[in-house]
PDB file of all heavy atoms in Angstrom:
ATOM      1  N   MET A   1     -98.489  24.403-225.912  1.00  0.00           N
ATOM      2  CA  MET A   1     -99.214  23.596-224.938  1.00  0.00           C
ATOM      3  C   MET A   1    -100.627  24.111-224.700  1.00  0.00           C
ATOM      4  O   MET A   1    -101.523  23.334-224.368  1.00  0.00           O
ATOM      5  CB  MET A   1     -98.437  23.525-223.635  1.00  0.00           C
ATOM      6  CG  MET A   1     -97.181  22.670-223.742  1.00  0.00           C
ATOM      7  SD  MET A   1     -97.529  20.990-224.334  1.00  0.00           S
ATOM      8  CE  MET A   1     -98.558  20.406-223.001  1.00  0.00           C
ATOM      9  N   ALA A   2    -100.841  25.413-224.867  1.00  0.00           N
ATOM     10  CA  ALA A   2    -102.209  25.934-224.778  1.00  0.00           C
ATOM     11  C   ALA A   2    -103.075  25.287-225.854  1.00  0.00           C
ATOM     12  O   ALA A   2    -104.217  24.889-225.605  1.00  0.00           O
ATOM     13  CB  ALA A   2    -102.205  27.454-224.929  1.00  0.00           C
ATOM     14  N   PHE A   3    -102.518  25.149-227.063  1.00  0.00           N
ATOM     15  CA  PHE A   3    -103.249  24.490-228.146  1.00  0.00           C
ATOM     16  C   PHE A   3    -103.432  23.011-227.857  1.00  0.00           C
ATOM     17  O   PHE A   3    -104.523  22.447-228.031  1.00  0.00           O
ATOM     18  CB  PHE A   3    -102.506  24.676-229.473  1.00  0.00           C
ATOM     19  CG  PHE A   3    -103.136  23.932-230.625  1.00  0.00           C
ATOM     20  CD1 PHE A   3    -104.177  24.501-231.347  1.00  0.00           C
ATOM     21  CD2 PHE A   3    -102.712  22.656-230.976  1.00  0.00           C
ATOM     22  CE1 PHE A   3    -104.777  23.811-232.400  1.00  0.00           C
ATOM     23  CE2 PHE A   3    -103.297  21.958-232.016  1.00  0.00           C
ATOM     24  CZ  PHE A   3    -104.331  22.545-232.737  1.00  0.00           C
ATOM     25  N   VAL A   4    -102.365  22.345-227.412  1.00  0.00           N
ATOM     26  CA  VAL A   4    -102.415  20.900-227.176  1.00  0.00           C
ATOM     27  C   VAL A   4    -103.443  20.551-226.105  1.00  0.00           C
ATOM     28  O   VAL A   4    -104.244  19.617-226.278  1.00  0.00           O
ATOM     29  CB  VAL A   4    -101.019  20.381-226.784  1.00  0.00           C
ATOM     30  CG1 VAL A   4    -101.097  18.963-226.226  1.00  0.00           C
ATOM     31  CG2 VAL A   4    -100.083  20.422-227.983  1.00  0.00           C
ATOM     32  N   VAL A   5    -103.435  21.277-224.990  1.00  0.00           N
ATOM     33  CA  VAL A   5    -104.396  21.002-223.924  1.00  0.00           C
ATOM     34  C   VAL A   5    -105.822  21.179-224.434  1.00  0.00           C
ATOM     35  O   VAL A   5    -106.693  20.347-224.190  1.00  0.00           O
ATOM     36  CB  VAL A   5    -104.127  21.897-222.699  1.00  0.00           C
ATOM     37  CG1 VAL A   5    -105.293  21.843-221.710  1.00  0.00           C
ATOM     38  CG2 VAL A   5    -102.841  21.464-221.990  1.00  0.00           C
ATOM     39  N   THR A   6    -106.058  22.253-225.170  1.00  0.00           N
ATOM     40  CA  THR A   6    -107.391  22.503-225.723  1.00  0.00           C
ATOM     41  C   THR A   6    -107.813  21.387-226.669  1.00  0.00           C
ATOM     42  O   THR A   6    -108.946  20.876-226.607  1.00  0.00           O
ATOM     43  CB  THR A   6    -107.414  23.853-226.470  1.00  0.00           C
ATOM     44  OG1 THR A   6    -107.024  24.890-225.576  1.00  0.00           O
ATOM     45  CG2 THR A   6    -108.801  24.163-227.004  1.00  0.00           C
ATOM     46  N   ASN A   7    -106.897  20.979-227.547  1.00  0.00           N
ATOM     47  CA  ASN A   7    -107.221  19.951-228.528  1.00  0.00           C
ATOM     48  C   ASN A   7    -107.441  18.597-227.861  1.00  0.00           C
ATOM     49  O   ASN A   7    -108.381  17.869-228.191  1.00  0.00           O
ATOM     50  CB  ASN A   7    -106.098  19.862-229.568  1.00  0.00           C
ATOM     51  CG  ASN A   7    -106.552  19.210-230.866  1.00  0.00           C
ATOM     52  OD1 ASN A   7    -107.220  18.184-230.841  1.00  0.00           O
ATOM     53  ND2 ASN A   7    -106.189  19.799-231.985  1.00  0.00           N
ATOM     54  N   HIS A   8    -106.595  18.249-226.895  1.00  0.00           N
ATOM     55  CA  HIS A   8    -106.784  16.980-226.183  1.00  0.00           C
ATOM     56  C   HIS A   8    -108.124  16.958-225.445  1.00  0.00           C
ATOM     57  O   HIS A   8    -108.809  15.926-225.418  1.00  0.00           O
ATOM     58  CB  HIS A   8    -105.649  16.760-225.189  1.00  0.00           C
ATOM     59  CG  HIS A   8    -104.368  16.247-225.806  1.00  0.00           C
ATOM     60  ND1 HIS A   8    -104.283  15.785-227.091  1.00  0.00           N
ATOM     61  CD2 HIS A   8    -103.115  16.115-225.285  1.00  0.00           C
ATOM     62  CE1 HIS A   8    -103.039  15.390-227.343  1.00  0.00           C
ATOM     63  NE2 HIS A   8    -102.312  15.584-226.258  1.00  0.00           N
ATOM     64  N   LEU A   9    -108.478  18.069-224.818  1.00  0.00           N
ATOM     65  CA  LEU A   9    -109.761  18.127-224.120  1.00  0.00           C
ATOM     66  C   LEU A   9    -110.920  17.929-225.099  1.00  0.00           C
ATOM     67  O   LEU A   9    -111.908  17.258-224.783  1.00  0.00           O
ATOM     68  CB  LEU A   9    -109.919  19.459-223.394  1.00  0.00           C
ATOM     69  CG  LEU A   9    -109.173  19.606-222.071  1.00  0.00           C
ATOM     70  CD1 LEU A   9    -109.217  21.048-221.580  1.00  0.00           C
ATOM     71  CD2 LEU A   9    -109.764  18.675-221.012  1.00  0.00           C
ATOM     72  N   ALA A  10    -110.786  18.496-226.286  1.00  0.00           N
ATOM     73  CA  ALA A  10    -111.868  18.414-227.271  1.00  0.00           C
ATOM     74  C   ALA A  10    -111.966  17.032-227.909  1.00  0.00           C
ATOM     75  O   ALA A  10    -113.070  16.570-228.234  1.00  0.00           O
ATOM     76  CB  ALA A  10    -111.659  19.469-228.357  1.00  0.00           C
ATOM     77  N   GLU A  11    -110.828  16.353-228.081  1.00  0.00           N
ATOM     78  CA  GLU A  11    -110.841  15.141-228.903  1.00  0.00           C
ATOM     79  C   GLU A  11    -110.497  13.850-228.159  1.00  0.00           C
ATOM     80  O   GLU A  11    -110.774  12.769-228.665  1.00  0.00           O
ATOM     81  CB  GLU A  11    -109.888  15.314-230.082  1.00  0.00           C
ATOM     82  CG  GLU A  11    -110.327  16.450-230.999  1.00  0.00           C
ATOM     83  CD  GLU A  11    -109.739  16.364-232.379  1.00  0.00           C
ATOM     84  OE1 GLU A  11    -108.522  16.159-232.511  1.00  0.00           O
ATOM     85  OE2 GLU A  11    -110.515  16.502-233.335  1.00  0.00           O
ATOM     86  N   LEU A  12    -109.888  13.948-226.979  1.00  0.00           N
ATOM     87  CA  LEU A  12    -109.567  12.738-226.227  1.00  0.00           C
ATOM     88  C   LEU A  12    -110.544  12.501-225.083  1.00  0.00           C
ATOM     89  O   LEU A  12    -110.964  11.364-224.857  1.00  0.00           O
ATOM     90  CB  LEU A  12    -108.136  12.802-225.675  1.00  0.00           C
ATOM     91  CG  LEU A  12    -107.005  12.922-226.684  1.00  0.00           C
ATOM     92  CD1 LEU A  12    -105.652  12.807-225.970  1.00  0.00           C
ATOM     93  CD2 LEU A  12    -107.101  11.888-227.782  1.00  0.00           C
ATOM     94  N   ILE A  13    -110.877  13.560-224.339  1.00  0.00           N
ATOM     95  CA  ILE A  13    -111.803  13.404-223.203  1.00  0.00           C
ATOM     96  C   ILE A  13    -112.875  14.506-223.230  1.00  0.00           C
ATOM     97  O   ILE A  13    -113.055  15.234-222.259  1.00  0.00           O
ATOM     98  CB  ILE A  13    -111.050  13.388-221.855  1.00  0.00           C
ATOM     99  CG1 ILE A  13    -110.133  14.613-221.701  1.00  0.00           C
ATOM    100  CG2 ILE A  13    -110.239  12.112-221.706  1.00  0.00           C
ATOM    101  CD1 ILE A  13    -109.539  14.723-220.285  1.00  0.00           C
ATOM    102  N   PRO A  14    -113.605  14.634-224.340  1.00  0.00           N
ATOM    103  CA  PRO A  14    -114.601  15.708-224.443  1.00  0.00           C
ATOM    104  C   PRO A  14    -115.664  15.619-223.357  1.00  0.00           C
ATOM    105  O   PRO A  14    -116.071  14.527-222.956  1.00  0.00           O
ATOM    106  CB  PRO A  14    -115.210  15.499-225.837  1.00  0.00           C
ATOM    107  CG  PRO A  14    -114.914  14.082-226.181  1.00  0.00           C
ATOM    108  CD  PRO A  14    -113.599  13.765-225.545  1.00  0.00           C
ATOM    109  N   GLY A  15    -116.095  16.773-222.890  1.00  0.00           N
ATOM    110  CA  GLY A  15    -117.149  16.822-221.891  1.00  0.00           C
ATOM    111  C   GLY A  15    -116.672  16.623-220.469  1.00  0.00           C
ATOM    112  O   GLY A  15    -117.475  16.612-219.533  1.00  0.00           O
ATOM    113  N   THR A  16    -115.364  16.460-220.272  1.00  0.00           N
ATOM    114  CA  THR A  16    -114.824  16.255-218.925  1.00  0.00           C
ATOM    115  C   THR A  16    -115.030  17.492-218.069  1.00  0.00           C
ATOM    116  O   THR A  16    -114.839  18.620-218.525  1.00  0.00           O
ATOM    117  CB  THR A  16    -113.325  15.901-219.003  1.00  0.00           C
ATOM    118  OG1 THR A  16    -113.191  14.644-219.674  1.00  0.00           O
ATOM    119  CG2 THR A  16    -112.687  15.820-217.622  1.00  0.00           C
ATOM    120  N   ASN A  17    -115.436  17.277-216.796  1.00  0.00           N
ATOM    121  CA  ASN A  17    -115.614  18.390-215.876  1.00  0.00           C
ATOM    122  C   ASN A  17    -115.152  17.981-214.479  1.00  0.00           C
ATOM    123  O   ASN A  17    -114.549  16.923-214.305  1.00  0.00           O
ATOM    124  CB  ASN A  17    -117.065  18.897-215.876  1.00  0.00           C
ATOM    125  CG  ASN A  17    -118.054  17.824-215.443  1.00  0.00           C
ATOM    126  OD1 ASN A  17    -117.755  16.969-214.601  1.00  0.00           O
ATOM    127  ND2 ASN A  17    -119.249  17.852-216.022  1.00  0.00           N
ATOM    128  N   GLU A  18    -115.456  18.836-213.495  1.00  0.00           N
ATOM    129  CA  GLU A  18    -114.959  18.625-212.134  1.00  0.00           C
ATOM    130  C   GLU A  18    -115.524  17.369-211.471  1.00  0.00           C
ATOM    131  O   GLU A  18    -114.984  16.917-210.443  1.00  0.00           O
ATOM    132  CB  GLU A  18    -115.246  19.850-211.270  1.00  0.00           C
ATOM    133  CG  GLU A  18    -116.695  20.049-210.856  1.00  0.00           C
ATOM    134  CD  GLU A  18    -117.586  20.661-211.934  1.00  0.00           C
ATOM    135  OE1 GLU A  18    -117.087  20.888-213.061  1.00  0.00           O
ATOM    136  OE2 GLU A  18    -118.781  20.909-211.657  1.00  0.00           O
ATOM    137  N   LYS A  19    -116.575  16.798-212.026  1.00  0.00           N
ATOM    138  CA  LYS A  19    -117.149  15.584-211.453  1.00  0.00           C
ATOM    139  C   LYS A  19    -116.461  14.320-211.978  1.00  0.00           C
ATOM    140  O   LYS A  19    -116.751  13.222-211.519  1.00  0.00           O
ATOM    141  CB  LYS A  19    -118.651  15.534-211.741  1.00  0.00           C
ATOM    142  CG  LYS A  19    -119.418  16.669-211.082  1.00  0.00           C
ATOM    143  CD  LYS A  19    -120.877  16.679-211.490  1.00  0.00           C
ATOM    144  CE  LYS A  19    -121.590  17.895-210.903  1.00  0.00           C
ATOM    145  NZ  LYS A  19    -122.999  17.974-211.366  1.00  0.00           N
ATOM    146  N   ASP A  20    -115.569  14.489-212.941  1.00  0.00           N
ATOM    147  CA  ASP A  20    -114.854  13.353-213.500  1.00  0.00           C
ATOM    148  C   ASP A  20    -113.625  13.029-212.660  1.00  0.00           C
ATOM    149  O   ASP A  20    -113.257  13.768-211.740  1.00  0.00           O
ATOM    150  CB  ASP A  20    -114.449  13.650-214.951  1.00  0.00           C
ATOM    151  CG  ASP A  20    -115.624  13.514-215.901  1.00  0.00           C
ATOM    152  OD1 ASP A  20    -116.120  12.389-216.055  1.00  0.00           O
ATOM    153  OD2 ASP A  20    -116.054  14.536-216.474  1.00  0.00           O
ATOM    154  N   CYS A  21    -112.978  11.930-213.030  1.00  0.00           N
ATOM    155  CA  CYS A  21    -111.807  11.468-212.287  1.00  0.00           C
ATOM    156  C   CYS A  21    -110.906  10.695-213.240  1.00  0.00           C
ATOM    157  O   CYS A  21    -111.386   9.938-214.082  1.00  0.00           O
ATOM    158  CB  CYS A  21    -112.235  10.581-211.119  1.00  0.00           C
ATOM    159  SG  CYS A  21    -110.887  10.068-210.048  1.00  0.00           S
ATOM    160  N   SER A  22    -109.597  10.899-213.099  1.00  0.00           N
ATOM    161  CA  SER A  22    -108.610  10.205-213.909  1.00  0.00           C
ATOM    162  C   SER A  22    -107.749   9.318-213.015  1.00  0.00           C
ATOM    163  O   SER A  22    -107.725   9.492-211.798  1.00  0.00           O
ATOM    164  CB  SER A  22    -107.723  11.227-214.643  1.00  0.00           C
ATOM    165  OG  SER A  22    -106.832  10.585-215.527  1.00  0.00           O
ATOM    166  N   ILE A  23    -107.039   8.376-213.619  1.00  0.00           N
ATOM    167  CA  ILE A  23    -106.108   7.537-212.861  1.00  0.00           C
ATOM    168  C   ILE A  23    -104.789   7.486-213.616  1.00  0.00           C
ATOM    169  O   ILE A  23    -104.775   7.325-214.839  1.00  0.00           O
ATOM    170  CB  ILE A  23    -106.684   6.126-212.609  1.00  0.00           C
ATOM    171  CG1 ILE A  23    -105.783   5.336-211.665  1.00  0.00           C
ATOM    172  CG2 ILE A  23    -106.929   5.375-213.905  1.00  0.00           C
ATOM    173  CD1 ILE A  23    -106.439   4.075-211.120  1.00  0.00           C
ATOM    174  N   ALA A  24    -103.681   7.683-212.903  1.00  0.00           N
ATOM    175  CA  ALA A  24    -102.355   7.706-213.517  1.00  0.00           C
ATOM    176  C   ALA A  24    -101.695   6.344-213.358  1.00  0.00           C
ATOM    177  O   ALA A  24    -101.393   5.935-212.241  1.00  0.00           O
ATOM    178  CB  ALA A  24    -101.495   8.799-212.883  1.00  0.00           C
ATOM    179  N   VAL A  25    -101.484   5.649-214.468  1.00  0.00           N
ATOM    180  CA  VAL A  25    -100.849   4.334-214.418  1.00  0.00           C
ATOM    181  C   VAL A  25     -99.445   4.361-215.019  1.00  0.00           C
ATOM    182  O   VAL A  25     -98.772   3.336-215.070  1.00  0.00           O
ATOM    183  CB  VAL A  25    -101.700   3.262-215.140  1.00  0.00           C
ATOM    184  CG1 VAL A  25    -103.009   3.046-214.420  1.00  0.00           C
ATOM    185  CG2 VAL A  25    -101.937   3.633-216.599  1.00  0.00           C
ATOM    186  N   ALA A  26     -99.003   5.514-215.468  1.00  0.00           N
ATOM    187  CA  ALA A  26     -97.672   5.663-216.056  1.00  0.00           C
ATOM    188  C   ALA A  26     -96.998   6.872-215.407  1.00  0.00           C
ATOM    189  O   ALA A  26     -97.662   7.711-214.795  1.00  0.00           O
ATOM    190  CB  ALA A  26     -97.788   5.854-217.569  1.00  0.00           C
ATOM    191  N   PRO A  27     -95.669   6.994-215.528  1.00  0.00           N
ATOM    192  CA  PRO A  27     -94.974   8.130-214.919  1.00  0.00           C
ATOM    193  C   PRO A  27     -95.461   9.470-215.458  1.00  0.00           C
ATOM    194  O   PRO A  27     -95.632   9.642-216.668  1.00  0.00           O
ATOM    195  CB  PRO A  27     -93.505   7.888-215.305  1.00  0.00           C
ATOM    196  CG  PRO A  27     -93.403   6.422-215.549  1.00  0.00           C
ATOM    197  CD  PRO A  27     -94.724   6.029-216.151  1.00  0.00           C
ATOM    198  N   LEU A  28     -95.664  10.424-214.557  1.00  0.00           N
ATOM    199  CA  LEU A  28     -96.111  11.763-214.942  1.00  0.00           C
ATOM    200  C   LEU A  28     -95.019  12.547-215.666  1.00  0.00           C
ATOM    201  O   LEU A  28     -95.261  13.653-216.151  1.00  0.00           O
ATOM    202  CB  LEU A  28     -96.560  12.546-213.704  1.00  0.00           C
ATOM    203  CG  LEU A  28     -97.797  12.003-212.981  1.00  0.00           C
ATOM    204  CD1 LEU A  28     -98.066  12.812-211.719  1.00  0.00           C
ATOM    205  CD2 LEU A  28     -99.022  12.018-213.890  1.00  0.00           C
TER     206      LEU A  28
END
């Protein structure tokens, strides 16, 4: 999961920081 989180951050939501915001539309 350390690898997965790093890879997702790099390739799915690159550049995301504390000023960003997400919305959950599916079960966590």
